[in-house]
Amino acid sequence: MANSAQARKRARQAVVAREHNASLRTQFRTAVKKVLKAVQVGDKAAAQEAFKASVSVIDRIADKKIVHKNKAARHKSRLSAKIKAIAA
């Protein structure tokens, strides 16, 4: 338990920050799932549109350091590879 006023305030702020970060992580996962769903259906045009939208979301969340930049790059790379594999 926080013993000083400063520690109590930091504990309150941490709760708000955690909730905000959790919501951003959810946006990240949702963006990835939208692309995967389009890939699974086999609709390359829809997958490319979803990928375009998801790249900005992924990059924005990586810039805020909610996820590591390498994780963001890995997800974008794998999604792109799956989209390219649809035509084959």
N, C-alpha and C. Protein backbone atom coordinates (compact mmCIF):
# COMPACT_ATOMS: atom_id res chain seq x y z
N MET A 1 0.84 -1.19 0.00
CA MET A 1 0.00 0.00 0.00
C MET A 1 0.88 1.25 0.00
N ALA A 2 0.43 2.25 -0.72
CA ALA A 2 1.19 3.50 -0.81
C ALA A 2 1.13 4.25 0.51
N ASN A 3 2.29 4.70 0.98
CA ASN A 3 2.36 5.35 2.29
C ASN A 3 2.43 6.86 2.21
N SER A 4 2.85 7.41 1.10
CA SER A 4 2.95 8.87 1.00
C SER A 4 1.92 9.37 -0.01
N ALA A 5 1.68 10.67 0.04
CA ALA A 5 0.72 11.28 -0.89
C ALA A 5 1.21 11.09 -2.32
N GLN A 6 2.52 11.23 -2.51
CA GLN A 6 3.09 11.07 -3.85
C GLN A 6 2.88 9.65 -4.36
N ALA A 7 3.09 8.66 -3.51
CA ALA A 7 2.93 7.27 -3.91
C ALA A 7 1.46 6.95 -4.20
N ARG A 8 0.56 7.54 -3.40
CA ARG A 8 -0.88 7.32 -3.65
C ARG A 8 -1.28 7.89 -5.01
N LYS A 9 -0.77 9.09 -5.31
CA LYS A 9 -1.09 9.72 -6.60
C LYS A 9 -0.54 8.87 -7.75
N ARG A 10 0.70 8.40 -7.62
CA ARG A 10 1.29 7.57 -8.67
C ARG A 10 0.49 6.28 -8.87
N ALA A 11 -0.04 5.72 -7.78
CA ALA A 11 -0.86 4.52 -7.87
C ALA A 11 -2.14 4.80 -8.64
N ARG A 12 -2.76 5.97 -8.38
CA ARG A 12 -3.96 6.36 -9.12
C ARG A 12 -3.65 6.54 -10.60
N GLN A 13 -2.53 7.21 -10.89
CA GLN A 13 -2.15 7.46 -12.27
C GLN A 13 -1.84 6.15 -13.00
N ALA A 14 -1.24 5.21 -12.29
CA ALA A 14 -0.88 3.93 -12.89
C ALA A 14 -2.12 3.16 -13.34
N VAL A 15 -3.19 3.27 -12.56
CA VAL A 15 -4.44 2.59 -12.93
C VAL A 15 -4.97 3.14 -14.24
N VAL A 16 -4.99 4.46 -14.36
CA VAL A 16 -5.50 5.10 -15.58
C VAL A 16 -4.62 4.73 -16.78
N ALA A 17 -3.31 4.77 -16.58
CA ALA A 17 -2.38 4.45 -17.68
C ALA A 17 -2.53 3.00 -18.11
N ARG A 18 -2.70 2.10 -17.15
CA ARG A 18 -2.85 0.68 -17.47
C ARG A 18 -4.11 0.44 -18.30
N GLU A 19 -5.20 1.09 -17.93
CA GLU A 19 -6.45 0.93 -18.68
C GLU A 19 -6.30 1.48 -20.10
N HIS A 20 -5.63 2.62 -20.24
CA HIS A 20 -5.41 3.22 -21.56
C HIS A 20 -4.54 2.30 -22.42
N ASN A 21 -3.46 1.79 -21.83
CA ASN A 21 -2.57 0.90 -22.57
C ASN A 21 -3.27 -0.40 -22.96
N ALA A 22 -4.12 -0.90 -22.08
CA ALA A 22 -4.86 -2.12 -22.39
C ALA A 22 -5.78 -1.89 -23.58
N SER A 23 -6.40 -0.73 -23.65
CA SER A 23 -7.28 -0.43 -24.77
C SER A 23 -6.49 -0.32 -26.07
N LEU A 24 -5.29 0.24 -26.01
CA LEU A 24 -4.45 0.32 -27.21
C LEU A 24 -4.00 -1.06 -27.66
N ARG A 25 -3.65 -1.92 -26.71
CA ARG A 25 -3.26 -3.30 -27.07
C ARG A 25 -4.43 -4.03 -27.73
N THR A 26 -5.64 -3.75 -27.27
CA THR A 26 -6.83 -4.36 -27.87
C THR A 26 -7.00 -3.88 -29.30
N GLN A 27 -6.75 -2.60 -29.56
CA GLN A 27 -6.82 -2.07 -30.92
C GLN A 27 -5.82 -2.78 -31.82
N PHE A 28 -4.63 -3.01 -31.29
CA PHE A 28 -3.57 -3.71 -32.03
C PHE A 28 -4.05 -5.10 -32.44
N ARG A 29 -4.56 -5.84 -31.48
CA ARG A 29 -5.00 -7.22 -31.74
C ARG A 29 -6.18 -7.24 -32.72
N THR A 30 -7.10 -6.30 -32.58
CA THR A 30 -8.25 -6.23 -33.47
C THR A 30 -7.82 -5.95 -34.89
N ALA A 31 -6.87 -5.04 -35.06
CA ALA A 31 -6.37 -4.71 -36.40
C ALA A 31 -5.76 -5.93 -37.06
N VAL A 32 -4.99 -6.69 -36.30
CA VAL A 32 -4.36 -7.90 -36.84
C VAL A 32 -5.43 -8.93 -37.20
N LYS A 33 -6.42 -9.09 -36.34
CA LYS A 33 -7.47 -10.10 -36.58
C LYS A 33 -8.30 -9.77 -37.81
N LYS A 34 -8.52 -8.48 -38.08
CA LYS A 34 -9.29 -8.10 -39.27
C LYS A 34 -8.58 -8.55 -40.53
N VAL A 35 -7.27 -8.38 -40.56
CA VAL A 35 -6.50 -8.81 -41.73
C VAL A 35 -6.53 -10.33 -41.84
N LEU A 36 -6.33 -11.01 -40.72
CA LEU A 36 -6.32 -12.48 -40.75
C LEU A 36 -7.66 -13.04 -41.20
N LYS A 37 -8.74 -12.38 -40.80
CA LYS A 37 -10.07 -12.84 -41.20
C LYS A 37 -10.25 -12.71 -42.70
N ALA A 38 -9.80 -11.59 -43.28
CA ALA A 38 -9.90 -11.38 -44.72
C ALA A 38 -9.02 -12.38 -45.46
N VAL A 39 -7.86 -12.69 -44.92
CA VAL A 39 -6.96 -13.67 -45.54
C VAL A 39 -7.60 -15.05 -45.51
N GLN A 40 -8.22 -15.38 -44.40
CA GLN A 40 -8.83 -16.70 -44.25
C GLN A 40 -9.97 -16.91 -45.25
N VAL A 41 -10.72 -15.84 -45.53
CA VAL A 41 -11.79 -15.92 -46.51
C VAL A 41 -11.22 -16.06 -47.91
N GLY A 42 -10.02 -15.50 -48.10
CA GLY A 42 -9.38 -15.58 -49.40
C GLY A 42 -9.61 -14.36 -50.27
N ASP A 43 -10.12 -13.30 -49.69
CA ASP A 43 -10.40 -12.07 -50.43
C ASP A 43 -9.17 -11.17 -50.36
N LYS A 44 -8.37 -11.19 -51.43
CA LYS A 44 -7.10 -10.45 -51.42
C LYS A 44 -7.31 -8.94 -51.36
N ALA A 45 -8.30 -8.42 -52.08
CA ALA A 45 -8.55 -6.98 -52.09
C ALA A 45 -8.96 -6.50 -50.70
N ALA A 46 -9.85 -7.22 -50.06
CA ALA A 46 -10.28 -6.84 -48.71
C ALA A 46 -9.12 -6.97 -47.72
N ALA A 47 -8.30 -7.98 -47.90
CA ALA A 47 -7.15 -8.18 -47.02
C ALA A 47 -6.16 -7.02 -47.16
N GLN A 48 -5.95 -6.56 -48.39
CA GLN A 48 -5.03 -5.45 -48.60
C GLN A 48 -5.56 -4.16 -47.98
N GLU A 49 -6.86 -3.94 -48.11
CA GLU A 49 -7.47 -2.74 -47.49
C GLU A 49 -7.35 -2.80 -45.97
N ALA A 50 -7.65 -3.97 -45.41
CA ALA A 50 -7.55 -4.13 -43.96
C ALA A 50 -6.10 -3.98 -43.51
N PHE A 51 -5.18 -4.47 -44.32
CA PHE A 51 -3.75 -4.36 -44.00
C PHE A 51 -3.31 -2.90 -43.97
N LYS A 52 -3.76 -2.13 -44.96
CA LYS A 52 -3.41 -0.71 -44.99
C LYS A 52 -3.87 0.00 -43.72
N ALA A 53 -5.09 -0.29 -43.32
CA ALA A 53 -5.63 0.34 -42.11
C ALA A 53 -4.88 -0.14 -40.87
N SER A 54 -4.54 -1.43 -40.84
CA SER A 54 -3.91 -1.98 -39.65
C SER A 54 -2.47 -1.52 -39.50
N VAL A 55 -1.78 -1.22 -40.60
CA VAL A 55 -0.39 -0.78 -40.51
C VAL A 55 -0.30 0.52 -39.72
N SER A 56 -1.22 1.45 -39.97
CA SER A 56 -1.16 2.72 -39.24
C SER A 56 -1.45 2.50 -37.76
N VAL A 57 -2.38 1.62 -37.46
CA VAL A 57 -2.70 1.33 -36.06
C VAL A 57 -1.49 0.69 -35.38
N ILE A 58 -0.88 -0.29 -36.04
CA ILE A 58 0.26 -1.01 -35.47
C ILE A 58 1.42 -0.05 -35.23
N ASP A 59 1.71 0.80 -36.23
CA ASP A 59 2.82 1.74 -36.09
C ASP A 59 2.57 2.75 -34.97
N ARG A 60 1.34 3.24 -34.88
CA ARG A 60 1.00 4.22 -33.85
C ARG A 60 1.21 3.62 -32.46
N ILE A 61 0.80 2.38 -32.28
CA ILE A 61 0.92 1.74 -30.97
C ILE A 61 2.37 1.41 -30.66
N ALA A 62 3.15 1.07 -31.69
CA ALA A 62 4.58 0.82 -31.48
C ALA A 62 5.30 2.12 -31.12
N ASP A 63 4.89 3.23 -31.75
CA ASP A 63 5.52 4.53 -31.43
C ASP A 63 5.29 4.93 -29.98
N LYS A 64 4.15 4.52 -29.44
CA LYS A 64 3.84 4.84 -28.05
C LYS A 64 4.46 3.83 -27.08
N LYS A 65 5.19 2.87 -27.64
CA LYS A 65 5.89 1.83 -26.86
C LYS A 65 4.95 0.94 -26.06
N ILE A 66 3.74 0.75 -26.60
CA ILE A 66 2.81 -0.20 -25.98
C ILE A 66 3.25 -1.61 -26.36
N VAL A 67 3.69 -1.76 -27.61
CA VAL A 67 4.34 -3.00 -28.04
C VAL A 67 5.70 -2.60 -28.60
N HIS A 68 6.64 -3.52 -28.57
CA HIS A 68 7.99 -3.23 -29.06
C HIS A 68 7.97 -3.06 -30.57
N LYS A 69 8.84 -2.20 -31.08
CA LYS A 69 8.88 -1.92 -32.52
C LYS A 69 9.17 -3.18 -33.33
N ASN A 70 9.98 -4.09 -32.78
CA ASN A 70 10.28 -5.32 -33.51
C ASN A 70 9.06 -6.23 -33.59
N LYS A 71 8.25 -6.24 -32.55
CA LYS A 71 7.02 -7.03 -32.57
C LYS A 71 6.07 -6.47 -33.61
N ALA A 72 5.98 -5.15 -33.69
CA ALA A 72 5.12 -4.52 -34.68
C ALA A 72 5.60 -4.87 -36.08
N ALA A 73 6.90 -4.79 -36.30
CA ALA A 73 7.47 -5.10 -37.61
C ALA A 73 7.23 -6.57 -37.97
N ARG A 74 7.36 -7.44 -36.99
CA ARG A 74 7.14 -8.88 -37.22
C ARG A 74 5.70 -9.15 -37.64
N HIS A 75 4.76 -8.51 -36.95
CA HIS A 75 3.35 -8.70 -37.30
C HIS A 75 3.06 -8.19 -38.71
N LYS A 76 3.57 -7.01 -39.03
CA LYS A 76 3.33 -6.44 -40.36
C LYS A 76 3.92 -7.35 -41.43
N SER A 77 5.11 -7.86 -41.19
CA SER A 77 5.77 -8.73 -42.16
C SER A 77 4.99 -10.02 -42.38
N ARG A 78 4.54 -10.62 -41.31
CA ARG A 78 3.81 -11.89 -41.42
C ARG A 78 2.45 -11.69 -42.09
N LEU A 79 1.78 -10.58 -41.76
CA LEU A 79 0.50 -10.30 -42.40
C LEU A 79 0.70 -10.07 -43.90
N SER A 80 1.74 -9.33 -44.25
CA SER A 80 2.03 -9.06 -45.65
C SER A 80 2.31 -10.36 -46.41
N ALA A 81 3.06 -11.25 -45.79
CA ALA A 81 3.38 -12.53 -46.42
C ALA A 81 2.12 -13.36 -46.63
N LYS A 82 1.20 -13.32 -45.68
CA LYS A 82 -0.04 -14.08 -45.82
C LYS A 82 -0.90 -13.52 -46.95
N ILE A 83 -0.89 -12.20 -47.10
CA ILE A 83 -1.67 -11.59 -48.18
C ILE A 83 -1.07 -11.97 -49.52
N LYS A 84 0.25 -11.94 -49.62
CA LYS A 84 0.90 -12.30 -50.88
C LYS A 84 0.67 -13.77 -51.24
N ALA A 85 0.52 -14.61 -50.24
CA ALA A 85 0.34 -16.04 -50.46
C ALA A 85 -1.07 -16.38 -50.97
N ILE A 86 -2.01 -15.44 -50.87
CA ILE A 86 -3.38 -15.71 -51.31
C ILE A 86 -3.41 -16.01 -52.81
N ALA A 87 -2.69 -15.24 -53.62
CA ALA A 87 -2.72 -15.41 -55.07
C ALA A 87 -2.10 -16.73 -55.49
N ALA A 88 -1.11 -17.21 -54.74
CA ALA A 88 -0.39 -18.43 -55.12
C ALA A 88 -1.22 -19.68 -54.93
